[in-house]
């Protein structure tokens, strides 16, 4: 587990404990990261305030972890780029090669990985 507290945006956050995005939020909190869940229709997840859009995220973001379909993320290229995350993790099933290429061309590194695996193996 990394010692440095990182600011992590979870795109496609869910209240459902069976969803991987919800599991990731809990694991990130356990690892003492600052978590910013993004979902347009939720107000809170547990004790966390949910931010409805990426455009409302302020400050430096270490990692943006994606839990939305490529159909949805394709519409968010400018919003993701505006957040200027240190990296974007495309979790299994969220891979979007066009978005990845666009982000890479703007100097935003991308990674195909499972955030839960990265957290459990100390590689996050």
Protein backbone atom coordinates (compact mmCIF):
# COMPACT_ATOMS: atom_id res chain seq x y z
CA UNK A 1 0.00 0.00 0.00
CA UNK A 2 1.32 3.43 -0.89
CA UNK A 3 2.05 5.79 1.96
CA UNK A 4 1.10 8.90 0.01
CA UNK A 5 -2.52 9.98 0.25
CA UNK A 6 -3.82 10.47 -3.28
CA UNK A 7 -6.85 12.33 -4.55
CA UNK A 8 -8.88 9.87 -6.63
CA UNK A 9 -11.95 10.53 -8.77
CA UNK A 10 -14.27 7.54 -9.26
CA UNK A 11 -16.18 8.11 -12.49
CA UNK A 12 -19.40 6.09 -12.42
CA UNK A 13 -19.68 5.74 -8.65
CA UNK A 14 -22.44 3.52 -7.28
CA UNK A 15 -24.23 3.03 -3.96
CA UNK A 16 -24.71 -0.66 -4.75
CA UNK A 17 -22.17 -2.66 -2.68
CA UNK A 18 -22.09 -5.33 -5.40
CA UNK A 19 -20.76 -2.86 -8.01
CA UNK A 20 -17.01 -2.68 -8.55
CA UNK A 21 -17.05 1.11 -8.36
CA UNK A 22 -18.52 0.89 -4.87
CA UNK A 23 -15.95 -1.70 -3.85
CA UNK A 24 -13.22 0.58 -5.20
CA UNK A 25 -14.52 3.54 -3.21
CA UNK A 26 -14.40 1.48 -0.02
CA UNK A 27 -10.92 0.11 -0.74
CA UNK A 28 -9.63 3.60 -1.60
CA UNK A 29 -11.01 4.92 1.68
CA UNK A 30 -9.44 2.01 3.57
CA UNK A 31 -6.13 2.93 1.94
CA UNK A 32 -6.70 6.49 3.20
CA UNK A 33 -7.02 8.14 -0.19
CA UNK A 34 -9.24 11.16 -0.72
CA UNK A 35 -12.15 9.91 -2.84
CA UNK A 36 -14.38 12.00 -5.08
CA UNK A 37 -17.30 9.92 -6.41
CA UNK A 38 -18.94 11.14 -9.62
CA UNK A 39 -22.55 10.32 -10.47
CA UNK A 40 -25.22 12.69 -11.84
CA UNK A 41 -28.14 11.30 -9.79
CA UNK A 42 -26.65 10.51 -6.37
CA UNK A 43 -26.10 12.93 -3.48
CA UNK A 44 -24.10 10.70 -1.16
CA UNK A 45 -22.43 7.32 -0.98
CA UNK A 46 -21.96 6.41 2.64
CA UNK A 47 -20.47 9.52 4.25
CA UNK A 48 -19.09 10.86 0.97
CA UNK A 49 -20.67 13.73 -0.91
CA UNK A 50 -21.12 12.75 -4.57
CA UNK A 51 -20.18 15.28 -7.22
CA UNK A 52 -22.63 15.24 -10.15
CA UNK A 53 -20.17 16.07 -12.97
CA UNK A 54 -16.45 16.15 -13.66
CA UNK A 55 -16.76 19.88 -14.31
CA UNK A 56 -17.38 20.40 -10.59
CA UNK A 57 -14.15 18.72 -9.47
CA UNK A 58 -11.69 21.30 -8.20
CA UNK A 59 -8.02 20.93 -7.38
CA UNK A 60 -5.34 18.45 -8.30
CA UNK A 61 -6.40 14.89 -9.13
CA UNK A 62 -3.84 12.09 -8.92
CA UNK A 63 -5.99 9.36 -10.51
CA UNK A 64 -9.29 9.18 -12.34
CA UNK A 65 -10.61 5.60 -12.33
CA UNK A 66 -13.27 4.85 -14.93
CA UNK A 67 -16.35 2.73 -14.23
CA UNK A 68 -18.60 3.87 -17.08
CA UNK A 69 -19.09 2.36 -20.53
CA UNK A 70 -17.11 3.57 -23.54
CA UNK A 71 -20.40 4.95 -24.92
CA UNK A 72 -20.62 7.29 -21.90
CA UNK A 73 -16.92 8.06 -21.53
CA UNK A 74 -16.62 9.05 -25.20
CA UNK A 75 -18.84 12.04 -24.42
CA UNK A 76 -16.53 13.09 -21.55
CA UNK A 77 -13.22 13.64 -23.34
CA UNK A 78 -13.10 17.39 -22.71
CA UNK A 79 -14.31 17.08 -19.12
CA UNK A 80 -11.70 14.42 -18.31
CA UNK A 81 -8.95 16.46 -19.96
CA UNK A 82 -10.04 19.57 -18.04
CA UNK A 83 -9.60 17.73 -14.71
CA UNK A 84 -5.97 17.04 -15.75
CA UNK A 85 -5.61 13.80 -13.79
CA UNK A 86 -2.13 12.41 -13.26
CA UNK A 87 -3.41 9.20 -14.84
CA UNK A 88 -6.63 7.56 -15.98
CA UNK A 89 -7.33 3.91 -15.16
CA UNK A 90 -9.67 2.08 -17.54
CA UNK A 91 -11.08 -0.78 -15.48
CA UNK A 92 -12.09 -4.02 -17.25
CA UNK A 93 -15.04 -3.40 -19.55
CA UNK A 94 -14.47 0.36 -19.72
CA UNK A 95 -11.65 0.34 -22.28
CA UNK A 96 -12.05 3.14 -24.81
CA UNK A 97 -9.19 3.25 -27.29
CA UNK A 98 -10.29 6.50 -28.93
CA UNK A 99 -10.52 8.30 -25.56
CA UNK A 100 -7.24 6.76 -24.46
CA UNK A 101 -5.47 8.01 -27.60
CA UNK A 102 -6.92 11.49 -27.15
CA UNK A 103 -5.87 11.68 -23.50
CA UNK A 104 -2.38 10.37 -24.31
CA UNK A 105 -2.03 13.03 -27.02
CA UNK A 106 -2.77 15.62 -24.32
CA UNK A 107 -0.10 14.21 -22.03
CA UNK A 108 -2.46 12.31 -19.71
CA UNK A 109 -1.19 8.76 -19.10
CA UNK A 110 -3.70 5.92 -19.27
CA UNK A 111 -3.65 2.41 -17.90
CA UNK A 112 -5.74 -0.70 -18.57
CA UNK A 113 -6.01 -2.23 -15.09
CA UNK A 114 -8.37 -3.11 -12.30
CA UNK A 115 -8.22 -0.54 -9.50
CA UNK A 116 -9.22 -3.23 -7.00
CA UNK A 117 -6.29 -5.44 -8.03
CA UNK A 118 -3.88 -2.48 -7.95
CA UNK A 119 -5.08 -1.62 -4.44
CA UNK A 120 -4.89 -5.20 -3.17
CA UNK A 121 -1.35 -5.67 -4.50
CA UNK A 122 0.02 -2.33 -3.31
CA UNK A 123 0.51 -1.04 -6.86
CA UNK A 124 -2.10 1.70 -6.83
